[in-house]
């Protein structure tokens, strides 16, 4: 069963919209499907970057104390 849909409207850069329409036509897909994929990809990337920020913060906080260990792990 498909997810419920909700209508919204937005103003987009005209050249981006034209390129998206061209891609949809070339692939024989609906514009809304490509928009769904683009938004899902953006949200996934943002979530992944949050995890990376947390890992980097931990690394920075422990770098001085465990520098030798990190160096050996990198080898």
PDB file of N, CA and C in Angstrom:
ATOM      1  N   UNK A   1       0.843  -1.176   0.000  1.00  0.00           N
ATOM      2  CA  UNK A   1       0.000   0.000   0.000  1.00  0.00           C
ATOM      3  C   UNK A   1       0.892   1.244   0.000  1.00  0.00           C
ATOM      4  N   UNK A   2       0.562   2.210  -0.817  1.00  0.00           N
ATOM      5  CA  UNK A   2       1.403   3.404  -0.924  1.00  0.00           C
ATOM      6  C   UNK A   2       1.173   4.355   0.244  1.00  0.00           C
ATOM      7  N   UNK A   3       2.159   5.190   0.458  1.00  0.00           N
ATOM      8  CA  UNK A   3       2.091   6.178   1.526  1.00  0.00           C
ATOM      9  C   UNK A   3       1.054   7.244   1.189  1.00  0.00           C
ATOM     10  N   UNK A   4       0.390   7.811   2.206  1.00  0.00           N
ATOM     11  CA  UNK A   4      -0.538   8.910   1.922  1.00  0.00           C
ATOM     12  C   UNK A   4       0.221  10.103   1.351  1.00  0.00           C
ATOM     13  N   UNK A   5      -0.420  10.819   0.468  1.00  0.00           N
ATOM     14  CA  UNK A   5       0.213  11.956  -0.191  1.00  0.00           C
ATOM     15  C   UNK A   5      -0.414  13.239   0.329  1.00  0.00           C
ATOM     16  N   UNK A   6       0.355  14.301   0.313  1.00  0.00           N
ATOM     17  CA  UNK A   6      -0.132  15.609   0.733  1.00  0.00           C
ATOM     18  C   UNK A   6       0.297  16.629  -0.306  1.00  0.00           C
ATOM     19  N   UNK A   7      -0.611  17.502  -0.665  1.00  0.00           N
ATOM     20  CA  UNK A   7      -0.321  18.512  -1.675  1.00  0.00           C
ATOM     21  C   UNK A   7       0.422  19.695  -1.043  1.00  0.00           C
ATOM     22  N   UNK A   8       1.396  20.221  -1.762  1.00  0.00           N
ATOM     23  CA  UNK A   8       2.067  21.458  -1.378  1.00  0.00           C
ATOM     24  C   UNK A   8       2.534  22.141  -2.653  1.00  0.00           C
ATOM     25  N   UNK A   9       2.891  23.383  -2.531  1.00  0.00           N
ATOM     26  CA  UNK A   9       3.445  24.082  -3.696  1.00  0.00           C
ATOM     27  C   UNK A   9       4.709  24.806  -3.268  1.00  0.00           C
ATOM     28  N   UNK A  10       5.588  25.008  -4.239  1.00  0.00           N
ATOM     29  CA  UNK A  10       6.852  25.682  -3.955  1.00  0.00           C
ATOM     30  C   UNK A  10       7.340  26.374  -5.212  1.00  0.00           C
ATOM     31  N   UNK A  11       8.088  27.431  -5.038  1.00  0.00           N
ATOM     32  CA  UNK A  11       8.745  28.105  -6.153  1.00  0.00           C
ATOM     33  C   UNK A  11      10.141  27.510  -6.291  1.00  0.00           C
ATOM     34  N   UNK A  12      10.478  27.089  -7.509  1.00  0.00           N
ATOM     35  CA  UNK A  12      11.789  26.501  -7.767  1.00  0.00           C
ATOM     36  C   UNK A  12      12.541  27.334  -8.785  1.00  0.00           C
ATOM     37  N   UNK A  13      13.847  27.221  -8.761  1.00  0.00           N
ATOM     38  CA  UNK A  13      14.680  27.822  -9.788  1.00  0.00           C
ATOM     39  C   UNK A  13      14.218  27.259 -11.133  1.00  0.00           C
ATOM     40  N   UNK A  14      13.932  28.134 -12.080  1.00  0.00           N
ATOM     41  CA  UNK A  14      13.370  27.722 -13.367  1.00  0.00           C
ATOM     42  C   UNK A  14      14.266  26.735 -14.105  1.00  0.00           C
ATOM     43  N   UNK A  15      15.569  26.940 -14.055  1.00  0.00           N
ATOM     44  CA  UNK A  15      16.469  26.030 -14.773  1.00  0.00           C
ATOM     45  C   UNK A  15      16.510  24.652 -14.114  1.00  0.00           C
ATOM     46  N   UNK A  16      16.424  24.600 -12.779  1.00  0.00           N
ATOM     47  CA  UNK A  16      16.383  23.308 -12.096  1.00  0.00           C
ATOM     48  C   UNK A  16      15.106  22.550 -12.443  1.00  0.00           C
ATOM     49  N   UNK A  17      13.997  23.261 -12.461  1.00  0.00           N
ATOM     50  CA  UNK A  17      12.728  22.626 -12.793  1.00  0.00           C
ATOM     51  C   UNK A  17      12.732  22.114 -14.228  1.00  0.00           C
ATOM     52  N   UNK A  18      13.272  22.898 -15.142  1.00  0.00           N
ATOM     53  CA  UNK A  18      13.345  22.471 -16.541  1.00  0.00           C
ATOM     54  C   UNK A  18      14.205  21.215 -16.673  1.00  0.00           C
ATOM     55  N   UNK A  19      15.319  21.190 -15.976  1.00  0.00           N
ATOM     56  CA  UNK A  19      16.203  20.025 -16.025  1.00  0.00           C
ATOM     57  C   UNK A  19      15.527  18.796 -15.426  1.00  0.00           C
ATOM     58  N   UNK A  20      14.793  19.004 -14.342  1.00  0.00           N
ATOM     59  CA  UNK A  20      14.075  17.905 -13.702  1.00  0.00           C
ATOM     60  C   UNK A  20      12.986  17.351 -14.620  1.00  0.00           C
ATOM     61  N   UNK A  21      12.260  18.240 -15.298  1.00  0.00           N
ATOM     62  CA  UNK A  21      11.225  17.810 -16.245  1.00  0.00           C
ATOM     63  C   UNK A  21      11.839  17.025 -17.401  1.00  0.00           C
ATOM     64  N   UNK A  22      12.980  17.478 -17.891  1.00  0.00           N
ATOM     65  CA  UNK A  22      13.672  16.777 -18.977  1.00  0.00           C
ATOM     66  C   UNK A  22      14.085  15.383 -18.528  1.00  0.00           C
ATOM     67  N   UNK A  23      14.604  15.278 -17.322  1.00  0.00           N
ATOM     68  CA  UNK A  23      15.014  13.985 -16.779  1.00  0.00           C
ATOM     69  C   UNK A  23      13.813  13.056 -16.618  1.00  0.00           C
ATOM     70  N   UNK A  24      12.723  13.578 -16.085  1.00  0.00           N
ATOM     71  CA  UNK A  24      11.514  12.768 -15.908  1.00  0.00           C
ATOM     72  C   UNK A  24      11.020  12.235 -17.243  1.00  0.00           C
ATOM     73  N   UNK A  25      11.013  13.082 -18.250  1.00  0.00           N
ATOM     74  CA  UNK A  25      10.564  12.665 -19.579  1.00  0.00           C
ATOM     75  C   UNK A  25      11.509  11.622 -20.174  1.00  0.00           C
ATOM     76  N   UNK A  26      12.800  11.848 -20.038  1.00  0.00           N
ATOM     77  CA  UNK A  26      13.791  10.923 -20.590  1.00  0.00           C
ATOM     78  C   UNK A  26      13.697   9.543 -19.942  1.00  0.00           C
ATOM     79  N   UNK A  27      13.372   9.519 -18.659  1.00  0.00           N
ATOM     80  CA  UNK A  27      13.282   8.251 -17.937  1.00  0.00           C
ATOM     81  C   UNK A  27      11.880   7.664 -17.956  1.00  0.00           C
ATOM     82  N   UNK A  28      10.921   8.416 -18.517  1.00  0.00           N
ATOM     83  CA  UNK A  28       9.543   7.937 -18.550  1.00  0.00           C
ATOM     84  C   UNK A  28       8.927   7.828 -17.167  1.00  0.00           C
ATOM     85  N   UNK A  29       9.292   8.766 -16.304  1.00  0.00           N
ATOM     86  CA  UNK A  29       8.812   8.751 -14.920  1.00  0.00           C
ATOM     87  C   UNK A  29       8.070  10.036 -14.623  1.00  0.00           C
ATOM     88  N   UNK A  30       7.261   9.991 -13.577  1.00  0.00           N
ATOM     89  CA  UNK A  30       6.525  11.178 -13.173  1.00  0.00           C
ATOM     90  C   UNK A  30       7.445  12.139 -12.421  1.00  0.00           C
ATOM     91  N   UNK A  31       7.193  13.416 -12.614  1.00  0.00           N
ATOM     92  CA  UNK A  31       7.969  14.461 -11.953  1.00  0.00           C
ATOM     93  C   UNK A  31       7.919  14.299 -10.437  1.00  0.00           C
ATOM     94  N   UNK A  32       6.747  13.993  -9.904  1.00  0.00           N
ATOM     95  CA  UNK A  32       6.596  13.861  -8.444  1.00  0.00           C
ATOM     96  C   UNK A  32       7.458  12.736  -7.879  1.00  0.00           C
ATOM     97  N   UNK A  33       7.678  11.678  -8.666  1.00  0.00           N
ATOM     98  CA  UNK A  33       8.518  10.565  -8.207  1.00  0.00           C
ATOM     99  C   UNK A  33       9.968  11.027  -8.068  1.00  0.00           C
ATOM    100  N   UNK A  34      10.438  11.808  -9.039  1.00  0.00           N
ATOM    101  CA  UNK A  34      11.806  12.328  -8.953  1.00  0.00           C
ATOM    102  C   UNK A  34      11.953  13.306  -7.788  1.00  0.00           C
ATOM    103  N   UNK A  35      10.930  14.102  -7.557  1.00  0.00           N
ATOM    104  CA  UNK A  35      10.971  15.045  -6.425  1.00  0.00           C
ATOM    105  C   UNK A  35      11.004  14.274  -5.111  1.00  0.00           C
ATOM    106  N   UNK A  36      10.176  13.220  -4.999  1.00  0.00           N
ATOM    107  CA  UNK A  36      10.205  12.376  -3.797  1.00  0.00           C
ATOM    108  C   UNK A  36      11.604  11.802  -3.570  1.00  0.00           C
ATOM    109  N   UNK A  37      12.218  11.281  -4.639  1.00  0.00           N
ATOM    110  CA  UNK A  37      13.558  10.705  -4.525  1.00  0.00           C
ATOM    111  C   UNK A  37      14.588  11.747  -4.107  1.00  0.00           C
ATOM    112  N   UNK A  38      14.480  12.932  -4.672  1.00  0.00           N
ATOM    113  CA  UNK A  38      15.437  13.995  -4.345  1.00  0.00           C
ATOM    114  C   UNK A  38      15.319  14.406  -2.880  1.00  0.00           C
ATOM    115  N   UNK A  39      14.095  14.557  -2.407  1.00  0.00           N
ATOM    116  CA  UNK A  39      13.887  14.956  -1.010  1.00  0.00           C
ATOM    117  C   UNK A  39      14.347  13.845  -0.071  1.00  0.00           C
ATOM    118  N   UNK A  40      14.007  12.597  -0.397  1.00  0.00           N
ATOM    119  CA  UNK A  40      14.433  11.464   0.435  1.00  0.00           C
ATOM    120  C   UNK A  40      15.957  11.385   0.497  1.00  0.00           C
ATOM    121  N   UNK A  41      16.618  11.607  -0.634  1.00  0.00           N
ATOM    122  CA  UNK A  41      18.081  11.585  -0.662  1.00  0.00           C
ATOM    123  C   UNK A  41      18.694  12.687   0.182  1.00  0.00           C
ATOM    124  N   UNK A  42      18.114  13.872   0.111  1.00  0.00           N
ATOM    125  CA  UNK A  42      18.603  14.989   0.917  1.00  0.00           C
ATOM    126  C   UNK A  42      18.454  14.692   2.406  1.00  0.00           C
ATOM    127  N   UNK A  43      17.285  14.191   2.800  1.00  0.00           N
ATOM    128  CA  UNK A  43      17.054  13.887   4.211  1.00  0.00           C
ATOM    129  C   UNK A  43      17.988  12.786   4.709  1.00  0.00           C
ATOM    130  N   UNK A  44      18.221  11.777   3.885  1.00  0.00           N
ATOM    131  CA  UNK A  44      19.141  10.700   4.259  1.00  0.00           C
ATOM    132  C   UNK A  44      20.559  11.237   4.432  1.00  0.00           C
ATOM    133  N   UNK A  45      20.981  12.093   3.519  1.00  0.00           N
ATOM    134  CA  UNK A  45      22.328  12.674   3.604  1.00  0.00           C
ATOM    135  C   UNK A  45      22.481  13.537   4.851  1.00  0.00           C
ATOM    136  N   UNK A  46      21.450  14.294   5.175  1.00  0.00           N
ATOM    137  CA  UNK A  46      21.513  15.148   6.370  1.00  0.00           C
ATOM    138  C   UNK A  46      21.591  14.307   7.639  1.00  0.00           C
ATOM    139  N   UNK A  47      20.819  13.214   7.679  1.00  0.00           N
ATOM    140  CA  UNK A  47      20.867  12.339   8.851  1.00  0.00           C
ATOM    141  C   UNK A  47      22.243  11.701   8.984  1.00  0.00           C
ATOM    142  N   UNK A  48      22.816  11.273   7.877  1.00  0.00           N
ATOM    143  CA  UNK A  48      24.139  10.652   7.898  1.00  0.00           C
ATOM    144  C   UNK A  48      25.200  11.645   8.348  1.00  0.00           C
ATOM    145  N   UNK A  49      25.073  12.898   7.933  1.00  0.00           N
ATOM    146  CA  UNK A  49      26.071  13.892   8.321  1.00  0.00           C
ATOM    147  C   UNK A  49      25.984  14.204   9.809  1.00  0.00           C
ATOM    148  N   UNK A  50      24.793  14.074  10.409  1.00  0.00           N
ATOM    149  CA  UNK A  50      24.667  14.291  11.849  1.00  0.00           C
ATOM    150  C   UNK A  50      25.449  13.239  12.619  1.00  0.00           C
ATOM    151  N   UNK A  51      25.385  12.015  12.163  1.00  0.00           N
ATOM    152  CA  UNK A  51      26.151  10.957  12.813  1.00  0.00           C
ATOM    153  C   UNK A  51      27.637  11.248  12.667  1.00  0.00           C
ATOM    154  N   UNK A  52      28.046  11.654  11.515  1.00  0.00           N
ATOM    155  CA  UNK A  52      29.455  11.951  11.271  1.00  0.00           C
ATOM    156  C   UNK A  52      29.932  13.100  12.165  1.00  0.00           C
ATOM    157  N   UNK A  53      29.104  14.109  12.352  1.00  0.00           N
ATOM    158  CA  UNK A  53      29.472  15.211  13.241  1.00  0.00           C
ATOM    159  C   UNK A  53      29.718  14.701  14.656  1.00  0.00           C
ATOM    160  N   UNK A  54      28.886  13.799  15.115  1.00  0.00           N
ATOM    161  CA  UNK A  54      29.022  13.245  16.455  1.00  0.00           C
ATOM    162  C   UNK A  54      30.323  12.443  16.576  1.00  0.00           C
ATOM    163  N   UNK A  55      30.598  11.640  15.571  1.00  0.00           N
ATOM    164  CA  UNK A  55      31.829  10.849  15.584  1.00  0.00           C
ATOM    165  C   UNK A  55      33.050  11.760  15.564  1.00  0.00           C
ATOM    166  N   UNK A  56      33.012  12.787  14.733  1.00  0.00           N
ATOM    167  CA  UNK A  56      34.141  13.713  14.646  1.00  0.00           C
ATOM    168  C   UNK A  56      34.333  14.466  15.959  1.00  0.00           C
ATOM    169  N   UNK A  57      33.252  14.826  16.606  1.00  0.00           N
ATOM    170  CA  UNK A  57      33.354  15.528  17.889  1.00  0.00           C
ATOM    171  C   UNK A  57      34.026  14.634  18.931  1.00  0.00           C
ATOM    172  N   UNK A  58      33.665  13.367  18.943  1.00  0.00           N
ATOM    173  CA  UNK A  58      34.286  12.425  19.880  1.00  0.00           C
ATOM    174  C   UNK A  58      35.769  12.265  19.576  1.00  0.00           C
ATOM    175  N   UNK A  59      36.081  12.140  18.289  1.00  0.00           N
ATOM    176  CA  UNK A  59      37.487  12.020  17.885  1.00  0.00           C
ATOM    177  C   UNK A  59      38.293  13.232  18.353  1.00  0.00           C
ATOM    178  N   UNK A  60      37.772  14.421  18.092  1.00  0.00           N
ATOM    179  CA  UNK A  60      38.491  15.639  18.480  1.00  0.00           C
ATOM    180  C   UNK A  60      38.657  15.731  19.991  1.00  0.00           C
ATOM    181  N   UNK A  61      37.629  15.320  20.726  1.00  0.00           N
ATOM    182  CA  UNK A  61      37.686  15.410  22.183  1.00  0.00           C
ATOM    183  C   UNK A  61      38.696  14.439  22.781  1.00  0.00           C
ATOM    184  N   UNK A  62      38.976  13.350  22.065  1.00  0.00           N
ATOM    185  CA  UNK A  62      39.884  12.336  22.607  1.00  0.00           C
ATOM    186  C   UNK A  62      41.227  12.277  21.883  1.00  0.00           C
ATOM    187  N   UNK A  63      41.419  13.124  20.900  1.00  0.00           N
ATOM    188  CA  UNK A  63      42.621  13.041  20.064  1.00  0.00           C
ATOM    189  C   UNK A  63      43.915  13.169  20.864  1.00  0.00           C
ATOM    190  N   UNK A  64      44.007  14.167  21.705  1.00  0.00           N
ATOM    191  CA  UNK A  64      45.256  14.370  22.451  1.00  0.00           C
ATOM    192  C   UNK A  64      45.589  13.168  23.332  1.00  0.00           C
ATOM    193  N   UNK A  65      44.579  12.646  23.993  1.00  0.00           N
ATOM    194  CA  UNK A  65      44.806  11.539  24.922  1.00  0.00           C
ATOM    195  C   UNK A  65      45.161  10.237  24.192  1.00  0.00           C
ATOM    196  N   UNK A  66      44.546  10.008  23.029  1.00  0.00           N
ATOM    197  CA  UNK A  66      44.722   8.734  22.322  1.00  0.00           C
ATOM    198  C   UNK A  66      45.401   8.890  20.962  1.00  0.00           C
ATOM    199  N   UNK A  67      46.213   9.902  20.794  1.00  0.00           N
ATOM    200  CA  UNK A  67      46.857  10.163  19.500  1.00  0.00           C
ATOM    201  C   UNK A  67      47.665   8.966  19.006  1.00  0.00           C
ATOM    202  N   UNK A  68      48.402   8.318  19.897  1.00  0.00           N
ATOM    203  CA  UNK A  68      49.204   7.153  19.493  1.00  0.00           C
ATOM    204  C   UNK A  68      48.320   6.004  19.010  1.00  0.00           C
ATOM    205  N   UNK A  69      47.217   5.791  19.689  1.00  0.00           N
ATOM    206  CA  UNK A  69      46.291   4.720  19.294  1.00  0.00           C
ATOM    207  C   UNK A  69      45.704   5.022  17.920  1.00  0.00           C
ATOM    208  N   UNK A  70      45.255   6.251  17.703  1.00  0.00           N
ATOM    209  CA  UNK A  70      44.683   6.627  16.407  1.00  0.00           C
ATOM    210  C   UNK A  70      45.714   6.487  15.290  1.00  0.00           C
ATOM    211  N   UNK A  71      46.960   6.823  15.596  1.00  0.00           N
ATOM    212  CA  UNK A  71      48.009   6.712  14.591  1.00  0.00           C
ATOM    213  C   UNK A  71      48.226   5.249  14.199  1.00  0.00           C
ATOM    214  N   UNK A  72      48.239   4.355  15.193  1.00  0.00           N
ATOM    215  CA  UNK A  72      48.413   2.931  14.902  1.00  0.00           C
ATOM    216  C   UNK A  72      47.213   2.373  14.143  1.00  0.00           C
ATOM    217  N   UNK A  73      46.018   2.814  14.477  1.00  0.00           N
ATOM    218  CA  UNK A  73      44.821   2.356  13.769  1.00  0.00           C
ATOM    219  C   UNK A  73      44.830   2.801  12.312  1.00  0.00           C
ATOM    220  N   UNK A  74      45.409   3.948  12.061  1.00  0.00           N
ATOM    221  CA  UNK A  74      45.449   4.479  10.696  1.00  0.00           C
ATOM    222  C   UNK A  74      46.445   3.732   9.813  1.00  0.00           C
ATOM    223  N   UNK A  75      47.397   3.047  10.425  1.00  0.00           N
ATOM    224  CA  UNK A  75      48.434   2.336   9.648  1.00  0.00           C
ATOM    225  C   UNK A  75      47.923   1.082   9.002  1.00  0.00           C
TER     226      UNK A  75
END
